Amino acid sequence: MSVEAKLKRPSRTRRTSGDRLCEALMTLAQHHAQVITHSEKAWASITFAGTRHSLALVFAGADAVEAGEHFVAELPDHEFAIPGQLVADATIVEVEHRIAPDPRFVVQCELLLLEDA
């Protein structure tokens, strides 16, 4: 392949563990949620390394609110399949539920991902 062809090839963005986590959360949320905030912070102990993720998800509309209630019930015990990562902890930190004027459900959650070497 020529140098020019290599330079013109579009670059592929590498998906991070945070990207994969968001995809897994969207699947658990039955694709009814939207991530409104996501922060990631490095985490380590003597024997493990990983990242702590804090996310806020909004579920807007009656069907989405129902999916949000399911999400809250399932998250703590959900078995994630994220390549190279183990979800060591998944907790619901806060839930805000509004009925009027339109149904809206906001979930704040935190997850600890450990590198699976």
PDB file of N, CA and C in Angstrom:
ATOM      1  N   MET A   1       0.848  -1.169   0.000  1.00  0.00           N
ATOM      2  CA  MET A   1       0.000   0.000   0.000  1.00  0.00           C
ATOM      3  C   MET A   1       0.894   1.234   0.000  1.00  0.00           C
ATOM      4  N   SER A   2       0.551   2.193  -0.817  1.00  0.00           N
ATOM      5  CA  SER A   2       1.374   3.393  -0.927  1.00  0.00           C
ATOM      6  C   SER A   2       1.200   4.277   0.306  1.00  0.00           C
ATOM      7  N   VAL A   3       2.157   5.174   0.482  1.00  0.00           N
ATOM      8  CA  VAL A   3       2.113   6.110   1.613  1.00  0.00           C
ATOM      9  C   VAL A   3       0.887   6.990   1.508  1.00  0.00           C
ATOM     10  N   GLU A   4       0.554   7.416   0.286  1.00  0.00           N
ATOM     11  CA  GLU A   4      -0.613   8.277   0.089  1.00  0.00           C
ATOM     12  C   GLU A   4      -1.899   7.565   0.498  1.00  0.00           C
ATOM     13  N   ALA A   5      -2.003   6.283   0.137  1.00  0.00           N
ATOM     14  CA  ALA A   5      -3.201   5.506   0.491  1.00  0.00           C
ATOM     15  C   ALA A   5      -3.317   5.351   1.993  1.00  0.00           C
ATOM     16  N   LYS A   6      -2.195   5.145   2.676  1.00  0.00           N
ATOM     17  CA  LYS A   6      -2.220   5.017   4.132  1.00  0.00           C
ATOM     18  C   LYS A   6      -2.641   6.323   4.781  1.00  0.00           C
ATOM     19  N   LEU A   7      -2.198   7.440   4.234  1.00  0.00           N
ATOM     20  CA  LEU A   7      -2.545   8.739   4.799  1.00  0.00           C
ATOM     21  C   LEU A   7      -4.010   9.079   4.591  1.00  0.00           C
ATOM     22  N   LYS A   8      -4.597   8.593   3.501  1.00  0.00           N
ATOM     23  CA  LYS A   8      -5.996   8.906   3.201  1.00  0.00           C
ATOM     24  C   LYS A   8      -6.979   7.999   3.920  1.00  0.00           C
ATOM     25  N   ARG A   9      -6.476   6.873   4.440  1.00  0.00           N
ATOM     26  CA  ARG A   9      -7.355   5.925   5.115  1.00  0.00           C
ATOM     27  C   ARG A   9      -7.929   6.583   6.370  1.00  0.00           C
ATOM     28  N   PRO A  10      -9.245   6.531   6.547  1.00  0.00           N
ATOM     29  CA  PRO A  10      -9.825   7.135   7.752  1.00  0.00           C
ATOM     30  C   PRO A  10      -9.333   6.406   8.997  1.00  0.00           C
ATOM     31  N   SER A  11      -9.057   7.181  10.016  1.00  0.00           N
ATOM     32  CA  SER A  11      -8.592   6.567  11.264  1.00  0.00           C
ATOM     33  C   SER A  11      -9.770   5.964  12.010  1.00  0.00           C
ATOM     34  N   ARG A  12      -9.505   4.825  12.632  1.00  0.00           N
ATOM     35  CA  ARG A  12     -10.546   4.173  13.424  1.00  0.00           C
ATOM     36  C   ARG A  12     -10.345   4.582  14.875  1.00  0.00           C
ATOM     37  N   THR A  13     -11.412   5.034  15.484  1.00  0.00           N
ATOM     38  CA  THR A  13     -11.309   5.384  16.893  1.00  0.00           C
ATOM     39  C   THR A  13     -11.416   4.115  17.710  1.00  0.00           C
ATOM     40  N   ARG A  14     -10.581   4.025  18.702  1.00  0.00           N
ATOM     41  CA  ARG A  14     -10.554   2.840  19.558  1.00  0.00           C
ATOM     42  C   ARG A  14     -11.586   3.012  20.662  1.00  0.00           C
ATOM     43  N   ARG A  15     -12.414   1.998  20.827  1.00  0.00           N
ATOM     44  CA  ARG A  15     -13.427   2.053  21.882  1.00  0.00           C
ATOM     45  C   ARG A  15     -12.761   1.790  23.223  1.00  0.00           C
ATOM     46  N   THR A  16     -13.075   2.617  24.179  1.00  0.00           N
ATOM     47  CA  THR A  16     -12.521   2.483  25.518  1.00  0.00           C
ATOM     48  C   THR A  16     -13.418   1.591  26.367  1.00  0.00           C
ATOM     49  N   SER A  17     -12.928   1.246  27.549  1.00  0.00           N
ATOM     50  CA  SER A  17     -13.763   0.472  28.472  1.00  0.00           C
ATOM     51  C   SER A  17     -14.988   1.294  28.869  1.00  0.00           C
ATOM     52  N   GLY A  18     -14.848   2.603  28.945  1.00  0.00           N
ATOM     53  CA  GLY A  18     -15.994   3.467  29.236  1.00  0.00           C
ATOM     54  C   GLY A  18     -17.043   3.409  28.148  1.00  0.00           C
ATOM     55  N   ASP A  19     -16.593   3.380  26.884  1.00  0.00           N
ATOM     56  CA  ASP A  19     -17.532   3.246  25.754  1.00  0.00           C
ATOM     57  C   ASP A  19     -18.267   1.915  25.832  1.00  0.00           C
ATOM     58  N   ARG A  20     -17.518   0.863  26.121  1.00  0.00           N
ATOM     59  CA  ARG A  20     -18.132  -0.473  26.211  1.00  0.00           C
ATOM     60  C   ARG A  20     -19.100  -0.556  27.393  1.00  0.00           C
ATOM     61  N   LEU A  21     -18.748   0.100  28.492  1.00  0.00           N
ATOM     62  CA  LEU A  21     -19.646   0.135  29.644  1.00  0.00           C
ATOM     63  C   LEU A  21     -20.948   0.839  29.277  1.00  0.00           C
ATOM     64  N   CYS A  22     -20.852   1.969  28.594  1.00  0.00           N
ATOM     65  CA  CYS A  22     -22.068   2.699  28.194  1.00  0.00           C
ATOM     66  C   CYS A  22     -22.944   1.848  27.283  1.00  0.00           C
ATOM     67  N   GLU A  23     -22.339   1.116  26.365  1.00  0.00           N
ATOM     68  CA  GLU A  23     -23.102   0.221  25.488  1.00  0.00           C
ATOM     69  C   GLU A  23     -23.811  -0.856  26.296  1.00  0.00           C
ATOM     70  N   ALA A  24     -23.113  -1.426  27.279  1.00  0.00           N
ATOM     71  CA  ALA A  24     -23.715  -2.468  28.120  1.00  0.00           C
ATOM     72  C   ALA A  24     -24.861  -1.894  28.953  1.00  0.00           C
ATOM     73  N   LEU A  25     -24.691  -0.678  29.446  1.00  0.00           N
ATOM     74  CA  LEU A  25     -25.759  -0.044  30.229  1.00  0.00           C
ATOM     75  C   LEU A  25     -26.971   0.260  29.352  1.00  0.00           C
ATOM     76  N   MET A  26     -26.735   0.671  28.106  1.00  0.00           N
ATOM     77  CA  MET A  26     -27.848   0.938  27.197  1.00  0.00           C
ATOM     78  C   MET A  26     -28.629  -0.342  26.901  1.00  0.00           C
ATOM     79  N   THR A  27     -27.920  -1.444  26.779  1.00  0.00           N
ATOM     80  CA  THR A  27     -28.595  -2.723  26.563  1.00  0.00           C
ATOM     81  C   THR A  27     -29.443  -3.073  27.776  1.00  0.00           C
ATOM     82  N   LEU A  28     -28.878  -2.907  28.978  1.00  0.00           N
ATOM     83  CA  LEU A  28     -29.630  -3.181  30.201  1.00  0.00           C
ATOM     84  C   LEU A  28     -30.838  -2.254  30.314  1.00  0.00           C
ATOM     85  N   ALA A  29     -30.695  -1.027  29.821  1.00  0.00           N
ATOM     86  CA  ALA A  29     -31.786  -0.044  29.866  1.00  0.00           C
ATOM     87  C   ALA A  29     -32.763  -0.222  28.703  1.00  0.00           C
ATOM     88  N   GLN A  30     -32.607  -1.299  27.951  1.00  0.00           N
ATOM     89  CA  GLN A  30     -33.475  -1.605  26.820  1.00  0.00           C
ATOM     90  C   GLN A  30     -33.484  -0.472  25.788  1.00  0.00           C
ATOM     91  N   HIS A  31     -32.379   0.253  25.698  1.00  0.00           N
ATOM     92  CA  HIS A  31     -32.181   1.361  24.762  1.00  0.00           C
ATOM     93  C   HIS A  31     -33.216   2.470  24.930  1.00  0.00           C
ATOM     94  N   HIS A  32     -33.709   2.634  26.160  1.00  0.00           N
ATOM     95  CA  HIS A  32     -34.663   3.700  26.475  1.00  0.00           C
ATOM     96  C   HIS A  32     -34.020   4.837  27.247  1.00  0.00           C
ATOM     97  N   ALA A  33     -32.714   4.772  27.474  1.00  0.00           N
ATOM     98  CA  ALA A  33     -32.046   5.791  28.284  1.00  0.00           C
ATOM     99  C   ALA A  33     -31.112   6.628  27.434  1.00  0.00           C
ATOM    100  N   GLN A  34     -30.773   7.769  27.989  1.00  0.00           N
ATOM    101  CA  GLN A  34     -29.762   8.627  27.396  1.00  0.00           C
ATOM    102  C   GLN A  34     -28.779   8.980  28.508  1.00  0.00           C
ATOM    103  N   VAL A  35     -27.489   8.816  28.235  1.00  0.00           N
ATOM    104  CA  VAL A  35     -26.468   9.184  29.216  1.00  0.00           C
ATOM    105  C   VAL A  35     -26.345  10.703  29.201  1.00  0.00           C
ATOM    106  N   ILE A  36     -26.569  11.340  30.364  1.00  0.00           N
ATOM    107  CA  ILE A  36     -26.461  12.798  30.414  1.00  0.00           C
ATOM    108  C   ILE A  36     -25.148  13.249  31.053  1.00  0.00           C
ATOM    109  N   THR A  37     -24.558  12.405  31.897  1.00  0.00           N
ATOM    110  CA  THR A  37     -23.218  12.681  32.408  1.00  0.00           C
ATOM    111  C   THR A  37     -22.485  11.358  32.573  1.00  0.00           C
ATOM    112  N   HIS A  38     -21.168  11.404  32.373  1.00  0.00           N
ATOM    113  CA  HIS A  38     -20.330  10.219  32.579  1.00  0.00           C
ATOM    114  C   HIS A  38     -18.938  10.707  32.948  1.00  0.00           C
ATOM    115  N   SER A  39     -18.509  10.358  34.156  1.00  0.00           N
ATOM    116  CA  SER A  39     -17.140  10.683  34.563  1.00  0.00           C
ATOM    117  C   SER A  39     -16.433   9.377  34.898  1.00  0.00           C
ATOM    118  N   GLU A  40     -15.130   9.395  34.690  1.00  0.00           N
ATOM    119  CA  GLU A  40     -14.313   8.204  34.882  1.00  0.00           C
ATOM    120  C   GLU A  40     -13.060   8.612  35.645  1.00  0.00           C
ATOM    121  N   LYS A  41     -12.722   7.825  36.662  1.00  0.00           N
ATOM    122  CA  LYS A  41     -11.559   8.135  37.477  1.00  0.00           C
ATOM    123  C   LYS A  41     -10.765   6.859  37.711  1.00  0.00           C
ATOM    124  N   ALA A  42      -9.447   6.942  37.558  1.00  0.00           N
ATOM    125  CA  ALA A  42      -8.592   5.779  37.799  1.00  0.00           C
ATOM    126  C   ALA A  42      -8.747   5.319  39.240  1.00  0.00           C
ATOM    127  N   TRP A  43      -8.662   4.006  39.421  1.00  0.00           N
ATOM    128  CA  TRP A  43      -8.803   3.407  40.756  1.00  0.00           C
ATOM    129  C   TRP A  43      -7.785   2.286  40.867  1.00  0.00           C
ATOM    130  N   ALA A  44      -7.199   2.127  42.051  1.00  0.00           N
ATOM    131  CA  ALA A  44      -6.243   1.034  42.250  1.00  0.00           C
ATOM    132  C   ALA A  44      -6.184   0.654  43.722  1.00  0.00           C
ATOM    133  N   SER A  45      -5.913  -0.621  43.942  1.00  0.00           N
ATOM    134  CA  SER A  45      -5.622  -1.129  45.285  1.00  0.00           C
ATOM    135  C   SER A  45      -4.263  -1.827  45.183  1.00  0.00           C
ATOM    136  N   ILE A  46      -3.869  -2.497  46.209  1.00  0.00           N
ATOM    137  CA  ILE A  46      -2.588  -3.194  46.170  1.00  0.00           C
ATOM    138  C   ILE A  46      -2.581  -4.274  45.095  1.00  0.00           C
ATOM    139  N   THR A  47      -3.709  -4.943  44.900  1.00  0.00           N
ATOM    140  CA  THR A  47      -3.752  -6.078  43.963  1.00  0.00           C
ATOM    141  C   THR A  47      -4.527  -5.824  42.669  1.00  0.00           C
ATOM    142  N   PHE A  48      -5.326  -4.762  42.596  1.00  0.00           N
ATOM    143  CA  PHE A  48      -6.167  -4.536  41.425  1.00  0.00           C
ATOM    144  C   PHE A  48      -6.020  -3.117  40.905  1.00  0.00           C
ATOM    145  N   ALA A  49      -6.278  -2.950  39.608  1.00  0.00           N
ATOM    146  CA  ALA A  49      -6.328  -1.629  38.978  1.00  0.00           C
ATOM    147  C   ALA A  49      -7.585  -1.569  38.135  1.00  0.00           C
ATOM    148  N   GLY A  50      -8.116  -0.383  38.002  1.00  0.00           N
ATOM    149  CA  GLY A  50      -9.320  -0.230  37.201  1.00  0.00           C
ATOM    150  C   GLY A  50      -9.780   1.205  37.155  1.00  0.00           C
ATOM    151  N   THR A  51     -11.073   1.384  36.942  1.00  0.00           N
ATOM    152  CA  THR A  51     -11.668   2.716  36.862  1.00  0.00           C
ATOM    153  C   THR A  51     -13.018   2.726  37.563  1.00  0.00           C
ATOM    154  N   ARG A  52     -13.314   3.867  38.186  1.00  0.00           N
ATOM    155  CA  ARG A  52     -14.627   4.074  38.806  1.00  0.00           C
ATOM    156  C   ARG A  52     -15.400   5.013  37.881  1.00  0.00           C
ATOM    157  N   HIS A  53     -16.607   4.590  37.518  1.00  0.00           N
ATOM    158  CA  HIS A  53     -17.451   5.351  36.602  1.00  0.00           C
ATOM    159  C   HIS A  53     -18.682   5.852  37.339  1.00  0.00           C
ATOM    160  N   SER A  54     -18.996   7.102  37.125  1.00  0.00           N
ATOM    161  CA  SER A  54     -20.203   7.699  37.676  1.00  0.00           C
ATOM    162  C   SER A  54     -21.026   8.206  36.499  1.00  0.00           C
ATOM    163  N   LEU A  55     -22.267   7.735  36.402  1.00  0.00           N
ATOM    164  CA  LEU A  55     -23.115   8.090  35.269  1.00  0.00           C
ATOM    165  C   LEU A  55     -24.485   8.543  35.735  1.00  0.00           C
ATOM    166  N   ALA A  56     -25.062   9.444  34.958  1.00  0.00           N
ATOM    167  CA  ALA A  56     -26.461   9.824  35.126  1.00  0.00           C
ATOM    168  C   ALA A  56     -27.166   9.476  33.823  1.00  0.00           C
ATOM    169  N   LEU A  57     -28.273   8.762  33.940  1.00  0.00           N
ATOM    170  CA  LEU A  57     -29.065   8.367  32.776  1.00  0.00           C
ATOM    171  C   LEU A  57     -30.467   8.918  32.938  1.00  0.00           C
ATOM    172  N   VAL A  58     -31.033   9.384  31.849  1.00  0.00           N
ATOM    173  CA  VAL A  58     -32.404   9.868  31.878  1.00  0.00           C
ATOM    174  C   VAL A  58     -33.275   8.949  31.032  1.00  0.00           C
ATOM    175  N   PHE A  59     -34.438   8.618  31.585  1.00  0.00           N
ATOM    176  CA  PHE A  59     -35.457   7.822  30.909  1.00  0.00           C
ATOM    177  C   PHE A  59     -36.667   8.752  30.770  1.00  0.00           C
ATOM    178  N   ALA A  60     -37.004   9.138  29.538  1.00  0.00           N
ATOM    179  CA  ALA A  60     -38.094  10.094  29.311  1.00  0.00           C
ATOM    180  C   ALA A  60     -39.249   9.416  28.585  1.00  0.00           C
ATOM    181  N   GLY A  61     -40.454   9.515  29.155  1.00  0.00           N
ATOM    182  CA  GLY A  61     -41.647   8.901  28.575  1.00  0.00           C
ATOM    183  C   GLY A  61     -42.072   7.680  29.383  1.00  0.00           C
ATOM    184  N   ALA A  62     -43.318   7.314  29.251  1.00  0.00           N
ATOM    185  CA  ALA A  62     -43.889   6.226  30.058  1.00  0.00           C
ATOM    186  C   ALA A  62     -43.158   4.899  29.858  1.00  0.00           C
ATOM    187  N   ASP A  63     -42.911   4.514  28.604  1.00  0.00           N
ATOM    188  CA  ASP A  63     -42.212   3.254  28.347  1.00  0.00           C
ATOM    189  C   ASP A  63     -40.781   3.312  28.881  1.00  0.00           C
ATOM    190  N   ALA A  64     -40.143   4.449  28.720  1.00  0.00           N
ATOM    191  CA  ALA A  64     -38.769   4.608  29.194  1.00  0.00           C
ATOM    192  C   ALA A  64     -38.700   4.539  30.716  1.00  0.00           C
ATOM    193  N   VAL A  65     -39.673   5.139  31.386  1.00  0.00           N
ATOM    194  CA  VAL A  65     -39.703   5.089  32.852  1.00  0.00           C
ATOM    195  C   VAL A  65     -39.833   3.645  33.328  1.00  0.00           C
ATOM    196  N   GLU A  66     -40.655   2.873  32.655  1.00  0.00           N
ATOM    197  CA  GLU A  66     -40.788   1.449  33.006  1.00  0.00           C
ATOM    198  C   GLU A  66     -39.444   0.727  32.818  1.00  0.00           C
ATOM    199  N   ALA A  67     -38.754   1.035  31.727  1.00  0.00           N
ATOM    200  CA  ALA A  67     -37.429   0.450  31.491  1.00  0.00           C
ATOM    201  C   ALA A  67     -36.446   0.915  32.564  1.00  0.00           C
ATOM    202  N   GLY A  68     -36.579   2.158  33.018  1.00  0.00           N
ATOM    203  CA  GLY A  68     -35.717   2.691  34.074  1.00  0.00           C
ATOM    204  C   GLY A  68     -35.932   1.979  35.395  1.00  0.00           C
ATOM    205  N   GLU A  69     -37.167   1.672  35.710  1.00  0.00           N
ATOM    206  CA  GLU A  69     -37.453   0.938  36.941  1.00  0.00           C
ATOM    207  C   GLU A  69     -36.840  -0.463  36.878  1.00  0.00           C
ATOM    208  N   HIS A  70     -36.906  -1.090  35.706  1.00  0.00           N
ATOM    209  CA  HIS A  70     -36.280  -2.394  35.500  1.00  0.00           C
ATOM    210  C   HIS A  70     -34.760  -2.269  35.641  1.00  0.00           C
ATOM    211  N   PHE A  71     -34.190  -1.219  35.075  1.00  0.00           N
ATOM    212  CA  PHE A  71     -32.750  -0.960  35.148  1.00  0.00           C
ATOM    213  C   PHE A  71     -32.291  -0.869  36.609  1.00  0.00           C
ATOM    214  N   VAL A  72     -33.014  -0.112  37.413  1.00  0.00           N
ATOM    215  CA  VAL A  72     -32.668   0.063  38.828  1.00  0.00           C
ATOM    216  C   VAL A  72     -32.718  -1.275  39.567  1.00  0.00           C
ATOM    217  N   ALA A  73     -33.710  -2.083  39.273  1.00  0.00           N
ATOM    218  CA  ALA A  73     -33.848  -3.379  39.937  1.00  0.00           C
ATOM    219  C   ALA A  73     -32.753  -4.354  39.527  1.00  0.00           C
ATOM    220  N   GLU A  74     -32.321  -4.303  38.278  1.00  0.00           N
ATOM    221  CA  GLU A  74     -31.380  -5.285  37.740  1.00  0.00           C
ATOM    222  C   GLU A  74     -29.903  -4.913  37.883  1.00  0.00           C
ATOM    223  N   LEU A  75     -29.569  -3.634  37.903  1.00  0.00           N
ATOM    224  CA  LEU A  75     -28.165  -3.214  37.847  1.00  0.00           C
ATOM    225  C   LEU A  75     -27.260  -3.850  38.900  1.00  0.00           C
ATOM    226  N   PRO A  76     -27.619  -3.835  40.173  1.00  0.00           N
ATOM    227  CA  PRO A  76     -26.663  -4.338  41.180  1.00  0.00           C
ATOM    228  C   PRO A  76     -26.228  -5.791  40.989  1.00  0.00           C
ATOM    229  N   ASP A  77     -27.065  -6.631  40.436  1.00  0.00           N
ATOM    230  CA  ASP A  77     -26.738  -8.047  40.264  1.00  0.00           C
ATOM    231  C   ASP A  77     -26.490  -8.446  38.812  1.00  0.00           C
ATOM    232  N   HIS A  78     -26.467  -7.476  37.916  1.00  0.00           N
ATOM    233  CA  HIS A  78     -26.322  -7.775  36.492  1.00  0.00           C
ATOM    234  C   HIS A  78     -24.929  -8.322  36.182  1.00  0.00           C
ATOM    235  N   GLU A  79     -24.869  -9.352  35.338  1.00  0.00           N
ATOM    236  CA  GLU A  79     -23.599  -9.937  34.889  1.00  0.00           C
ATOM    237  C   GLU A  79     -23.200  -9.257  33.584  1.00  0.00           C
ATOM    238  N   PHE A  80     -22.213  -8.390  33.652  1.00  0.00           N
ATOM    239  CA  PHE A  80     -21.740  -7.671  32.473  1.00  0.00           C
ATOM    240  C   PHE A  80     -20.741  -8.516  31.697  1.00  0.00           C
ATOM    241  N   ALA A  81     -20.694  -8.318  30.390  1.00  0.00           N
ATOM    242  CA  ALA A  81     -19.716  -8.988  29.529  1.00  0.00           C
ATOM    243  C   ALA A  81     -18.953  -7.898  28.779  1.00  0.00           C
ATOM    244  N   ILE A  82     -17.955  -7.334  29.440  1.00  0.00           N
ATOM    245  CA  ILE A  82     -17.136  -6.274  28.853  1.00  0.00           C
ATOM    246  C   ILE A  82     -15.730  -6.837  28.678  1.00  0.00           C
ATOM    247  N   PRO A  83     -15.268  -6.963  27.443  1.00  0.00           N
ATOM    248  CA  PRO A  83     -13.948  -7.564  27.208  1.00  0.00           C
ATOM    249  C   PRO A  83     -12.834  -6.879  28.010  1.00  0.00           C
ATOM    250  N   GLY A  84     -12.059  -7.700  28.720  1.00  0.00           N
ATOM    251  CA  GLY A  84     -10.922  -7.193  29.481  1.00  0.00           C
ATOM    252  C   GLY A  84     -11.276  -6.513  30.788  1.00  0.00           C
ATOM    253  N   GLN A  85     -12.553  -6.521  31.159  1.00  0.00           N
ATOM    254  CA  GLN A  85     -12.995  -5.828  32.368  1.00  0.00           C
ATOM    255  C   GLN A  85     -13.918  -6.715  33.200  1.00  0.00           C
ATOM    256  N   LEU A  86     -13.828  -6.555  34.499  1.00  0.00           N
ATOM    257  CA  LEU A  86     -14.782  -7.172  35.425  1.00  0.00           C
ATOM    258  C   LEU A  86     -15.503  -6.043  36.151  1.00  0.00           C
ATOM    259  N   VAL A  87     -16.818  -6.129  36.224  1.00  0.00           N
ATOM    260  CA  VAL A  87     -17.569  -5.139  36.992  1.00  0.00           C
ATOM    261  C   VAL A  87     -17.616  -5.652  38.428  1.00  0.00           C
ATOM    262  N   ALA A  88     -16.816  -5.018  39.288  1.00  0.00           N
ATOM    263  CA  ALA A  88     -16.694  -5.458  40.677  1.00  0.00           C
ATOM    264  C   ALA A  88     -17.807  -4.911  41.548  1.00  0.00           C
ATOM    265  N   ASP A  89     -18.362  -3.762  41.171  1.00  0.00           N
ATOM    266  CA  ASP A  89     -19.405  -3.144  41.978  1.00  0.00           C
ATOM    267  C   ASP A  89     -20.271  -2.280  41.071  1.00  0.00           C
ATOM    268  N   ALA A  90     -21.570  -2.363  41.244  1.00  0.00           N
ATOM    269  CA  ALA A  90     -22.517  -1.540  40.498  1.00  0.00           C
ATOM    270  C   ALA A  90     -23.623  -1.136  41.453  1.00  0.00           C
ATOM    271  N   THR A  91     -23.726   0.163  41.722  1.00  0.00           N
ATOM    272  CA  THR A  91     -24.717   0.634  42.690  1.00  0.00           C
ATOM    273  C   THR A  91     -25.535   1.792  42.128  1.00  0.00           C
ATOM    274  N   ILE A  92     -26.758   1.873  42.606  1.00  0.00           N
ATOM    275  CA  ILE A  92     -27.622   3.009  42.313  1.00  0.00           C
ATOM    276  C   ILE A  92     -27.393   4.013  43.435  1.00  0.00           C
ATOM    277  N   VAL A  93     -27.010   5.229  43.071  1.00  0.00           N
ATOM    278  CA  VAL A  93     -26.709   6.262  44.054  1.00  0.00           C
ATOM    279  C   VAL A  93     -27.940   7.111  44.342  1.00  0.00           C
ATOM    280  N   GLU A  94     -28.688   7.430  43.283  1.00  0.00           N
ATOM    281  CA  GLU A  94     -29.837   8.317  43.442  1.00  0.00           C
ATOM    282  C   GLU A  94     -30.816   8.097  42.301  1.00  0.00           C
ATOM    283  N   VAL A  95     -32.093   8.269  42.599  1.00  0.00           N
ATOM    284  CA  VAL A  95     -33.147   8.170  41.594  1.00  0.00           C
ATOM    285  C   VAL A  95     -34.072   9.359  41.760  1.00  0.00           C
ATOM    286  N   GLU A  96     -34.386  10.003  40.649  1.00  0.00           N
ATOM    287  CA  GLU A  96     -35.354  11.109  40.653  1.00  0.00           C
ATOM    288  C   GLU A  96     -36.479  10.713  39.707  1.00  0.00           C
ATOM    289  N   HIS A  97     -37.702  10.682  40.223  1.00  0.00           N
ATOM    290  CA  HIS A  97     -38.860  10.251  39.436  1.00  0.00           C
ATOM    291  C   HIS A  97     -39.862  11.392  39.390  1.00  0.00           C
ATOM    292  N   ARG A  98     -40.173  11.845  38.178  1.00  0.00           N
ATOM    293  CA  ARG A  98     -41.146  12.909  37.985  1.00  0.00           C
ATOM    294  C   ARG A  98     -42.270  12.402  37.109  1.00  0.00           C
ATOM    295  N   ILE A  99     -43.489  12.748  37.441  1.00  0.00           N
ATOM    296  CA  ILE A  99     -44.640  12.305  36.657  1.00  0.00           C
ATOM    297  C   ILE A  99     -45.158  13.421  35.754  1.00  0.00           C
ATOM    298  N   ALA A 100     -45.187  14.663  36.254  1.00  0.00           N
ATOM    299  CA  ALA A 100     -45.744  15.768  35.474  1.00  0.00           C
ATOM    300  C   ALA A 100     -44.647  16.788  35.175  1.00  0.00           C
ATOM    301  N   PRO A 101     -44.674  17.435  34.071  1.00  0.00           N
ATOM    302  CA  PRO A 101     -45.685  17.358  33.023  1.00  0.00           C
ATOM    303  C   PRO A 101     -45.538  16.105  32.164  1.00  0.00           C
ATOM    304  N   ASP A 102     -44.320  15.561  32.055  1.00  0.00           N
ATOM    305  CA  ASP A 102     -44.111  14.320  31.309  1.00  0.00           C
ATOM    306  C   ASP A 102     -43.333  13.354  32.189  1.00  0.00           C
ATOM    307  N   PRO A 103     -43.630  12.045  32.094  1.00  0.00           N
ATOM    308  CA  PRO A 103     -42.893  11.073  32.907  1.00  0.00           C
ATOM    309  C   PRO A 103     -41.391  11.140  32.614  1.00  0.00           C
ATOM    310  N   ARG A 104     -40.620  11.183  33.684  1.00  0.00           N
ATOM    311  CA  ARG A 104     -39.161  11.294  33.557  1.00  0.00           C
ATOM    312  C   ARG A 104     -38.525  10.611  34.756  1.00  0.00           C
ATOM    313  N   PHE A 105     -37.482   9.858  34.501  1.00  0.00           N
ATOM    314  CA  PHE A 105     -36.819   9.061  35.524  1.00  0.00           C
ATOM    315  C   PHE A 105     -35.319   9.272  35.330  1.00  0.00           C
ATOM    316  N   VAL A 106     -34.643   9.810  36.328  1.00  0.00           N
ATOM    317  CA  VAL A 106     -33.199  10.052  36.241  1.00  0.00           C
ATOM    318  C   VAL A 106     -32.505   9.151  37.252  1.00  0.00           C
ATOM    319  N   VAL A 107     -31.512   8.416  36.794  1.00  0.00           N
ATOM    320  CA  VAL A 107     -30.786   7.467  37.636  1.00  0.00           C
ATOM    321  C   VAL A 107     -29.315   7.858  37.676  1.00  0.00           C
ATOM    322  N   GLN A 108     -28.786   7.982  38.890  1.00  0.00           N
ATOM    323  CA  GLN A 108     -27.352   8.204  39.086  1.00  0.00           C
ATOM    324  C   GLN A 108     -26.779   6.873  39.576  1.00  0.00           C
ATOM    325  N   CYS A 109     -25.769   6.351  38.873  1.00  0.00           N
ATOM    326  CA  CYS A 109     -25.189   5.073  39.266  1.00  0.00           C
ATOM    327  C   CYS A 109     -23.661   5.162  39.239  1.00  0.00           C
ATOM    328  N   GLU A 110     -23.037   4.259  40.000  1.00  0.00           N
ATOM    329  CA  GLU A 110     -21.585   4.175  40.034  1.00  0.00           C
ATOM    330  C   GLU A 110     -21.181   2.728  39.821  1.00  0.00           C
ATOM    331  N   LEU A 111     -20.131   2.534  39.024  1.00  0.00           N
ATOM    332  CA  LEU A 111     -19.640   1.202  38.727  1.00  0.00           C
ATOM    333  C   LEU A 111     -18.123   1.187  38.854  1.00  0.00           C
ATOM    334  N   LEU A 112     -17.601   0.124  39.411  1.00  0.00           N
ATOM    335  CA  LEU A 112     -16.166  -0.077  39.509  1.00  0.00           C
ATOM    336  C   LEU A 112     -15.772  -1.177  38.545  1.00  0.00           C
ATOM    337  N   LEU A 113     -14.939  -0.831  37.574  1.00  0.00           N
ATOM    338  CA  LEU A 113     -14.427  -1.808  36.600  1.00  0.00           C
ATOM    339  C   LEU A 113     -12.989  -2.133  36.943  1.00  0.00           C
ATOM    340  N   LEU A 114     -12.678  -3.414  36.992  1.00  0.00           N
ATOM    341  CA  LEU A 114     -11.319  -3.867  37.256  1.00  0.00           C
ATOM    342  C   LEU A 114     -10.756  -4.479  35.982  1.00  0.00           C
ATOM    343  N   GLU A 115      -9.470  -4.234  35.751  1.00  0.00           N
ATOM    344  CA  GLU A 115      -8.810  -4.820  34.589  1.00  0.00           C
ATOM    345  C   GLU A 115      -8.708  -6.324  34.809  1.00  0.00           C
ATOM    346  N   ASP A 116      -9.164  -7.085  33.809  1.00  0.00           N
ATOM    347  CA  ASP A 116      -9.141  -8.545  33.866  1.00  0.00           C
ATOM    348  C   ASP A 116      -7.946  -9.030  33.053  1.00  0.00           C
ATOM    349  N   ALA A 117      -6.854  -9.244  33.747  1.00  0.00           N
ATOM    350  CA  ALA A 117      -5.626  -9.638  33.030  1.00  0.00           C
ATOM    351  C   ALA A 117      -5.441 -11.128  33.040  1.00  0.00           C
TER     352      ALA A 117
END
